[in-house]
Amino acid sequence: MSDQKNYSFEEAMEKLEEIVTKLEEGDVPLEKAIQHFQEGMEISKFCHERLQQIEKQMEHVLREDGQLEPFVVQEEE
């Protein structure tokens, strides 16, 4: 997936699901299975990094006065 930066997160997840389905079928030659596995790992890494970026963005919430403040989840007691 050398052009993974052109994928949206959703497209990358769909591609990853396709790869998993192919591997689960079990009738893929070993060499092709290894290629699929490697591509899947690249896509997985891309998705993980993208989720981390989104998580950092979500750590701040826009206050009413337009200032950013850290977002803290408060647990119910």
C-alpha atoms as a PDB file:
ATOM      1  CA  MET A   1       0.000   0.000   0.000  1.00  0.00           C
ATOM      2  CA  SER A   2       2.562   2.538  -1.094  1.00  0.00           C
ATOM      3  CA  ASP A   3      -0.168   5.087  -1.856  1.00  0.00           C
ATOM      4  CA  GLN A   4      -1.806   4.736   1.552  1.00  0.00           C
ATOM      5  CA  LYS A   5      -1.711   8.492   2.137  1.00  0.00           C
ATOM      6  CA  ASN A   6      -4.345   8.738  -0.607  1.00  0.00           C
ATOM      7  CA  TYR A   7      -6.687   6.464   1.373  1.00  0.00           C
ATOM      8  CA  SER A   8      -9.154   7.761   3.892  1.00  0.00           C
ATOM      9  CA  PHE A   9      -9.270   5.917   7.203  1.00  0.00           C
ATOM     10  CA  GLU A  10     -12.483   4.210   6.125  1.00  0.00           C
ATOM     11  CA  GLU A  11     -10.999   3.116   2.781  1.00  0.00           C
ATOM     12  CA  ALA A  12      -7.938   1.740   4.548  1.00  0.00           C
ATOM     13  CA  MET A  13     -10.140  -0.236   6.937  1.00  0.00           C
ATOM     14  CA  GLU A  14     -12.120  -1.655   4.010  1.00  0.00           C
ATOM     15  CA  LYS A  15      -8.895  -2.698   2.287  1.00  0.00           C
ATOM     16  CA  LEU A  16      -7.699  -4.307   5.509  1.00  0.00           C
ATOM     17  CA  GLU A  17     -10.980  -6.241   5.791  1.00  0.00           C
ATOM     18  CA  GLU A  18     -10.547  -7.474   2.200  1.00  0.00           C
ATOM     19  CA  ILE A  19      -7.054  -8.729   3.004  1.00  0.00           C
ATOM     20  CA  VAL A  20      -8.228 -10.493   6.168  1.00  0.00           C
ATOM     21  CA  THR A  21     -11.025 -12.181   4.209  1.00  0.00           C
ATOM     22  CA  LYS A  22      -8.570 -13.409   1.571  1.00  0.00           C
ATOM     23  CA  LEU A  23      -6.238 -14.780   4.232  1.00  0.00           C
ATOM     24  CA  GLU A  24      -9.072 -16.460   6.123  1.00  0.00           C
ATOM     25  CA  GLU A  25     -10.204 -18.298   2.992  1.00  0.00           C
ATOM     26  CA  GLY A  26      -6.983 -20.262   3.203  1.00  0.00           C
ATOM     27  CA  ASP A  27      -6.649 -21.043  -0.492  1.00  0.00           C
ATOM     28  CA  VAL A  28      -4.033 -18.351  -1.143  1.00  0.00           C
ATOM     29  CA  PRO A  29      -0.550 -19.526  -2.170  1.00  0.00           C
ATOM     30  CA  LEU A  30       2.068 -18.968   0.519  1.00  0.00           C
ATOM     31  CA  GLU A  31       3.949 -16.228  -1.353  1.00  0.00           C
ATOM     32  CA  LYS A  32       0.721 -14.333  -2.034  1.00  0.00           C
ATOM     33  CA  ALA A  33      -0.385 -14.795   1.587  1.00  0.00           C
ATOM     34  CA  ILE A  34       2.886 -13.255   2.770  1.00  0.00           C
ATOM     35  CA  GLN A  35       2.360 -10.290   0.428  1.00  0.00           C
ATOM     36  CA  HIS A  36      -1.182  -9.848   1.730  1.00  0.00           C
ATOM     37  CA  PHE A  37       0.058 -10.074   5.320  1.00  0.00           C
ATOM     38  CA  GLN A  38       2.747  -7.444   4.731  1.00  0.00           C
ATOM     39  CA  GLU A  39       0.266  -5.116   3.043  1.00  0.00           C
ATOM     40  CA  GLY A  40      -2.162  -5.654   5.902  1.00  0.00           C
ATOM     41  CA  MET A  41       0.516  -4.741   8.444  1.00  0.00           C
ATOM     42  CA  GLU A  42       1.278  -1.521   6.532  1.00  0.00           C
ATOM     43  CA  ILE A  43      -2.398  -0.609   6.442  1.00  0.00           C
ATOM     44  CA  SER A  44      -2.758  -1.463  10.122  1.00  0.00           C
ATOM     45  CA  LYS A  45       0.152   0.837  10.952  1.00  0.00           C
ATOM     46  CA  PHE A  46      -1.384   3.621   8.830  1.00  0.00           C
ATOM     47  CA  CYS A  47      -4.734   3.239  10.632  1.00  0.00           C
ATOM     48  CA  HIS A  48      -3.076   3.180  14.052  1.00  0.00           C
ATOM     49  CA  GLU A  49      -1.109   6.360  13.296  1.00  0.00           C
ATOM     50  CA  ARG A  50      -4.211   8.075  11.942  1.00  0.00           C
ATOM     51  CA  LEU A  51      -6.164   7.167  15.087  1.00  0.00           C
ATOM     52  CA  GLN A  52      -3.370   8.589  17.238  1.00  0.00           C
ATOM     53  CA  GLN A  53      -3.519  11.854  15.270  1.00  0.00           C
ATOM     54  CA  ILE A  54      -7.276  12.070  15.768  1.00  0.00           C
ATOM     55  CA  GLU A  55      -6.900  11.258  19.469  1.00  0.00           C
ATOM     56  CA  LYS A  56      -4.463  14.169  19.882  1.00  0.00           C
ATOM     57  CA  GLN A  57      -6.926  16.478  18.144  1.00  0.00           C
ATOM     58  CA  MET A  58      -9.709  15.294  20.421  1.00  0.00           C
ATOM     59  CA  GLU A  59      -7.692  16.017  23.565  1.00  0.00           C
ATOM     60  CA  HIS A  60      -8.781  19.615  23.238  1.00  0.00           C
ATOM     61  CA  VAL A  61     -12.288  20.893  23.071  1.00  0.00           C
ATOM     62  CA  LEU A  62     -13.282  24.334  21.911  1.00  0.00           C
ATOM     63  CA  ARG A  63     -14.688  26.344  24.810  1.00  0.00           C
ATOM     64  CA  GLU A  64     -17.494  28.859  24.350  1.00  0.00           C
ATOM     65  CA  ASP A  65     -15.019  31.763  24.375  1.00  0.00           C
ATOM     66  CA  GLY A  66     -13.081  30.158  21.512  1.00  0.00           C
ATOM     67  CA  GLN A  67     -10.134  29.006  23.622  1.00  0.00           C
ATOM     68  CA  LEU A  68      -8.908  25.442  23.609  1.00  0.00           C
ATOM     69  CA  GLU A  69      -8.801  23.518  26.838  1.00  0.00           C
ATOM     70  CA  PRO A  70      -7.780  19.962  27.626  1.00  0.00           C
ATOM     71  CA  PHE A  71     -10.586  17.459  27.392  1.00  0.00           C
ATOM     72  CA  VAL A  72     -10.897  15.271  30.481  1.00  0.00           C
ATOM     73  CA  VAL A  73     -13.364  12.430  30.766  1.00  0.00           C
ATOM     74  CA  GLN A  74     -14.906  12.404  34.206  1.00  0.00           C
ATOM     75  CA  GLU A  75     -15.899   9.006  35.499  1.00  0.00           C
ATOM     76  CA  GLU A  76     -19.246   8.632  37.203  1.00  0.00           C
ATOM     77  CA  GLU A  77     -19.021   7.544  40.819  1.00  0.00           C
END
